[in-house]
């Protein structure tokens, strides 16, 4: 990696350390680390993965409340779904991508897209989108999700299968919690990767 890119990452880390809570910053570094590891495993662009992993939660500043996220997204004329209107924290991916582009001057569309979709996922994600989506779930600081050891192993064996398991776990958790904030795109993501999962099972039969 070039000196310019290393310096850019250093400056981004320094800024985020001031902007985020200690726990959020530690999570951010964990996602950057796992994004880089997955990028090396699957031959993705390493720098893009590090930047996307590092910046994925940049909209979750110390004083960034749900109401402020909603207000800013309306101000910047970002698309807001009905579910996001009810649960504005879901907007942090879109808002984070906006901050990256306009505040941090990160213009790489692949990085911005990975930040947008890192929470809900989407059908037919790019490799970089899958990397950040999975890294956000399995980074070393995570300890509450079920079967994390198995998921961490799986992520480095079959990333599509990891996406399937993560979306399945997420939907199970949200449904058991009885929340109304299940974005349709999360269900669509699950169905898409379930088809891939099912097709692999059939081939083995």
Protein backbone atom coordinates (compact mmCIF):
# COMPACT_ATOMS: atom_id res chain seq x y z
CA UNK A 1 0.00 0.00 0.00
CA UNK A 2 1.31 3.45 -0.90
CA UNK A 3 2.42 6.00 1.70
CA UNK A 4 -0.42 8.32 0.64
CA UNK A 5 -3.02 5.65 1.32
CA UNK A 6 -1.47 4.73 4.66
CA UNK A 7 -1.47 8.40 5.66
CA UNK A 8 -5.11 8.77 4.58
CA UNK A 9 -6.09 5.82 6.79
CA UNK A 10 -4.09 7.23 9.70
CA UNK A 11 -5.87 10.60 9.43
CA UNK A 12 -9.29 8.93 9.20
CA UNK A 13 -8.56 6.87 12.32
CA UNK A 14 -7.37 9.95 14.20
CA UNK A 15 -10.52 11.87 13.32
CA UNK A 16 -12.86 8.99 14.18
CA UNK A 17 -11.16 8.45 17.54
CA UNK A 18 -12.27 11.98 18.52
CA UNK A 19 -15.72 11.71 16.98
CA UNK A 20 -16.87 8.28 18.21
CA UNK A 21 -17.34 6.82 21.68
CA UNK A 22 -14.55 4.56 22.87
CA UNK A 23 -16.61 1.39 22.34
CA UNK A 24 -17.78 2.51 18.88
CA UNK A 25 -14.21 3.35 17.88
CA UNK A 26 -12.95 -0.05 19.05
CA UNK A 27 -15.75 -1.70 17.05
CA UNK A 28 -14.76 0.37 14.03
CA UNK A 29 -11.15 -0.78 14.23
CA UNK A 30 -12.38 -4.36 14.53
CA UNK A 31 -14.47 -4.04 11.39
CA UNK A 32 -11.54 -2.46 9.52
CA UNK A 33 -9.31 -5.34 10.59
CA UNK A 34 -11.73 -8.10 9.57
CA UNK A 35 -12.62 -6.30 6.33
CA UNK A 36 -8.92 -6.28 5.45
CA UNK A 37 -8.56 -9.96 6.33
CA UNK A 38 -11.58 -10.93 4.23
CA UNK A 39 -10.32 -8.79 1.35
CA UNK A 40 -7.04 -10.70 1.37
CA UNK A 41 -8.90 -14.00 1.55
CA UNK A 42 -11.20 -13.22 -1.39
CA UNK A 43 -8.78 -11.09 -3.44
CA UNK A 44 -10.72 -7.83 -3.08
CA UNK A 45 -9.08 -4.40 -3.15
CA UNK A 46 -7.42 -4.16 0.28
CA UNK A 47 -7.45 -0.37 0.63
CA UNK A 48 -11.12 -0.12 -0.32
CA UNK A 49 -12.00 -2.75 2.27
CA UNK A 50 -10.03 -0.97 4.99
CA UNK A 51 -11.62 2.42 4.24
CA UNK A 52 -15.14 1.00 4.02
CA UNK A 53 -14.69 -0.98 7.23
CA UNK A 54 -13.20 2.00 9.03
CA UNK A 55 -15.89 4.45 7.91
CA UNK A 56 -18.97 2.23 8.05
CA UNK A 57 -20.26 3.82 11.29
CA UNK A 58 -18.90 7.33 10.80
CA UNK A 59 -22.44 8.74 11.13
CA UNK A 60 -22.75 7.34 14.66
CA UNK A 61 -20.97 10.21 16.37
CA UNK A 62 -21.08 10.76 20.14
CA UNK A 63 -23.99 13.19 19.88
CA UNK A 64 -25.72 11.81 16.80
CA UNK A 65 -29.19 10.79 17.92
CA UNK A 66 -31.87 9.10 15.82
CA UNK A 67 -33.84 12.33 15.46
CA UNK A 68 -30.73 14.13 14.20
CA UNK A 69 -30.05 11.39 11.64
CA UNK A 70 -33.58 11.71 10.31
CA UNK A 71 -33.34 15.49 10.19
CA UNK A 72 -30.04 15.42 8.30
CA UNK A 73 -31.22 12.79 5.81
CA UNK A 74 -34.22 14.98 4.99
CA UNK A 75 -31.99 18.02 4.75
CA UNK A 76 -29.63 16.22 2.33
CA UNK A 77 -32.64 14.82 0.42
CA UNK A 78 -31.62 11.20 0.97
CA UNK A 79 -34.23 8.53 0.30
CA UNK A 80 -35.99 7.41 3.49
CA UNK A 81 -38.06 4.23 3.65
CA UNK A 82 -41.10 3.79 5.86
CA UNK A 83 -39.11 1.50 8.15
CA UNK A 84 -36.26 4.01 8.37
CA UNK A 85 -38.76 6.74 9.26
CA UNK A 86 -39.87 4.59 12.20
CA UNK A 87 -36.32 3.60 13.19
CA UNK A 88 -33.94 6.36 12.01
CA UNK A 89 -30.85 4.55 13.30
CA UNK A 90 -31.16 2.42 10.17
CA UNK A 91 -30.22 5.56 8.24
CA UNK A 92 -26.66 5.65 9.53
CA UNK A 93 -25.38 3.75 6.48
CA UNK A 94 -26.86 6.24 4.01
CA UNK A 95 -25.86 9.19 6.13
CA UNK A 96 -22.38 7.75 6.63
CA UNK A 97 -21.90 7.38 2.88
CA UNK A 98 -23.02 10.99 2.42
CA UNK A 99 -20.51 12.17 5.04
CA UNK A 100 -17.76 10.11 3.40
CA UNK A 101 -18.40 11.65 0.00
CA UNK A 102 -18.97 15.26 1.03
CA UNK A 103 -17.01 15.65 4.27
CA UNK A 104 -14.16 13.19 3.88
CA UNK A 105 -13.92 13.48 0.07
CA UNK A 106 -14.13 9.72 -0.47
CA UNK A 107 -15.52 9.44 -3.98
CA UNK A 108 -15.07 5.72 -4.63
CA UNK A 109 -18.58 4.45 -5.44
CA UNK A 110 -17.73 0.89 -4.32
CA UNK A 111 -16.72 2.11 -0.85
CA UNK A 112 -19.78 4.34 -0.51
CA UNK A 113 -22.09 1.50 -1.54
CA UNK A 114 -20.52 -0.88 1.00
CA UNK A 115 -21.18 1.70 3.72
CA UNK A 116 -24.78 2.22 2.62
CA UNK A 117 -25.64 -1.50 2.74
CA UNK A 118 -23.56 -2.70 5.68
CA UNK A 119 -26.55 -2.98 8.05
CA UNK A 120 -29.41 -4.33 5.94
CA UNK A 121 -27.49 -5.93 3.12
CA UNK A 122 -29.14 -6.21 -0.28
CA UNK A 123 -29.72 -8.92 -2.86
CA UNK A 124 -26.74 -9.68 -5.10
CA UNK A 125 -24.20 -7.65 -3.15
CA UNK A 126 -20.78 -6.85 -4.54
CA UNK A 127 -17.84 -8.60 -2.93
CA UNK A 128 -16.87 -5.45 -1.03
CA UNK A 129 -20.44 -5.01 0.23
CA UNK A 130 -20.46 -8.59 1.49
CA UNK A 131 -17.09 -8.14 3.16
CA UNK A 132 -18.15 -5.11 5.22
CA UNK A 133 -21.59 -6.59 5.96
CA UNK A 134 -19.99 -9.76 7.34
CA UNK A 135 -17.11 -7.98 9.08
CA UNK A 136 -19.55 -5.77 10.97
CA UNK A 137 -21.20 -8.88 12.41
CA UNK A 138 -18.15 -11.00 13.25
CA UNK A 139 -15.45 -8.52 14.28
CA UNK A 140 -13.50 -9.60 17.40
CA UNK A 141 -15.38 -7.33 19.80
CA UNK A 142 -18.73 -8.93 19.06
CA UNK A 143 -19.81 -11.45 21.68
CA UNK A 144 -23.62 -11.62 21.82
CA UNK A 145 -24.71 -13.15 18.51
CA UNK A 146 -25.25 -16.94 18.43
CA UNK A 147 -22.72 -19.32 16.88
CA UNK A 148 -20.10 -16.61 16.38
CA UNK A 149 -17.19 -19.05 16.33
CA UNK A 150 -18.84 -21.04 13.55
CA UNK A 151 -19.74 -17.86 11.64
CA UNK A 152 -16.20 -16.54 11.87
CA UNK A 153 -14.86 -19.77 10.41
CA UNK A 154 -17.57 -19.83 7.74
CA UNK A 155 -16.85 -16.25 6.67
CA UNK A 156 -13.42 -17.31 5.48
CA UNK A 157 -14.70 -20.46 3.77
CA UNK A 158 -17.83 -19.26 1.94
CA UNK A 159 -18.82 -15.61 2.25
CA UNK A 160 -22.21 -16.11 0.57
CA UNK A 161 -23.07 -18.77 3.13
CA UNK A 162 -21.97 -16.39 5.88
CA UNK A 163 -24.30 -13.69 4.54
CA UNK A 164 -27.14 -16.22 4.52
CA UNK A 165 -26.52 -17.26 8.12
CA UNK A 166 -26.16 -13.67 9.33
CA UNK A 167 -29.39 -12.50 7.68
CA UNK A 168 -31.20 -15.56 9.01
CA UNK A 169 -29.94 -14.88 12.54
CA UNK A 170 -30.82 -11.19 12.24
CA UNK A 171 -34.39 -11.86 11.15
CA UNK A 172 -34.85 -14.49 13.87
CA UNK A 173 -33.60 -12.02 16.48
CA UNK A 174 -35.79 -9.14 15.29
CA UNK A 175 -38.87 -11.35 15.07
CA UNK A 176 -38.32 -12.77 18.56
CA UNK A 177 -37.81 -9.23 19.84
CA UNK A 178 -41.14 -8.27 18.32
CA UNK A 179 -39.75 -5.20 16.60
CA UNK A 180 -41.56 -3.47 13.77
CA UNK A 181 -38.25 -2.22 12.38
CA UNK A 182 -37.45 -5.05 10.01
CA UNK A 183 -36.52 -3.45 6.72
CA UNK A 184 -37.94 -5.19 3.65
CA UNK A 185 -34.51 -5.11 2.06
CA UNK A 186 -33.22 -7.36 4.86
CA UNK A 187 -35.89 -9.94 4.05
CA UNK A 188 -35.06 -9.66 0.34
CA UNK A 189 -31.37 -10.15 1.14
CA UNK A 190 -32.17 -13.26 3.15
CA UNK A 191 -34.34 -14.73 0.37
CA UNK A 192 -31.65 -14.06 -2.25
CA UNK A 193 -28.88 -15.77 -0.28
CA UNK A 194 -31.22 -18.55 0.84
CA UNK A 195 -31.66 -19.47 -2.83
CA UNK A 196 -27.89 -19.69 -3.19
CA UNK A 197 -27.73 -21.77 -0.01
CA UNK A 198 -30.51 -24.11 -1.17
CA UNK A 199 -28.92 -24.58 -4.59
CA UNK A 200 -25.67 -25.70 -2.95
CA UNK A 201 -27.57 -28.20 -0.81
CA UNK A 202 -29.29 -29.65 -3.90
CA UNK A 203 -26.00 -30.06 -5.71
CA UNK A 204 -24.68 -32.11 -2.80
CA UNK A 205 -27.71 -34.44 -2.82
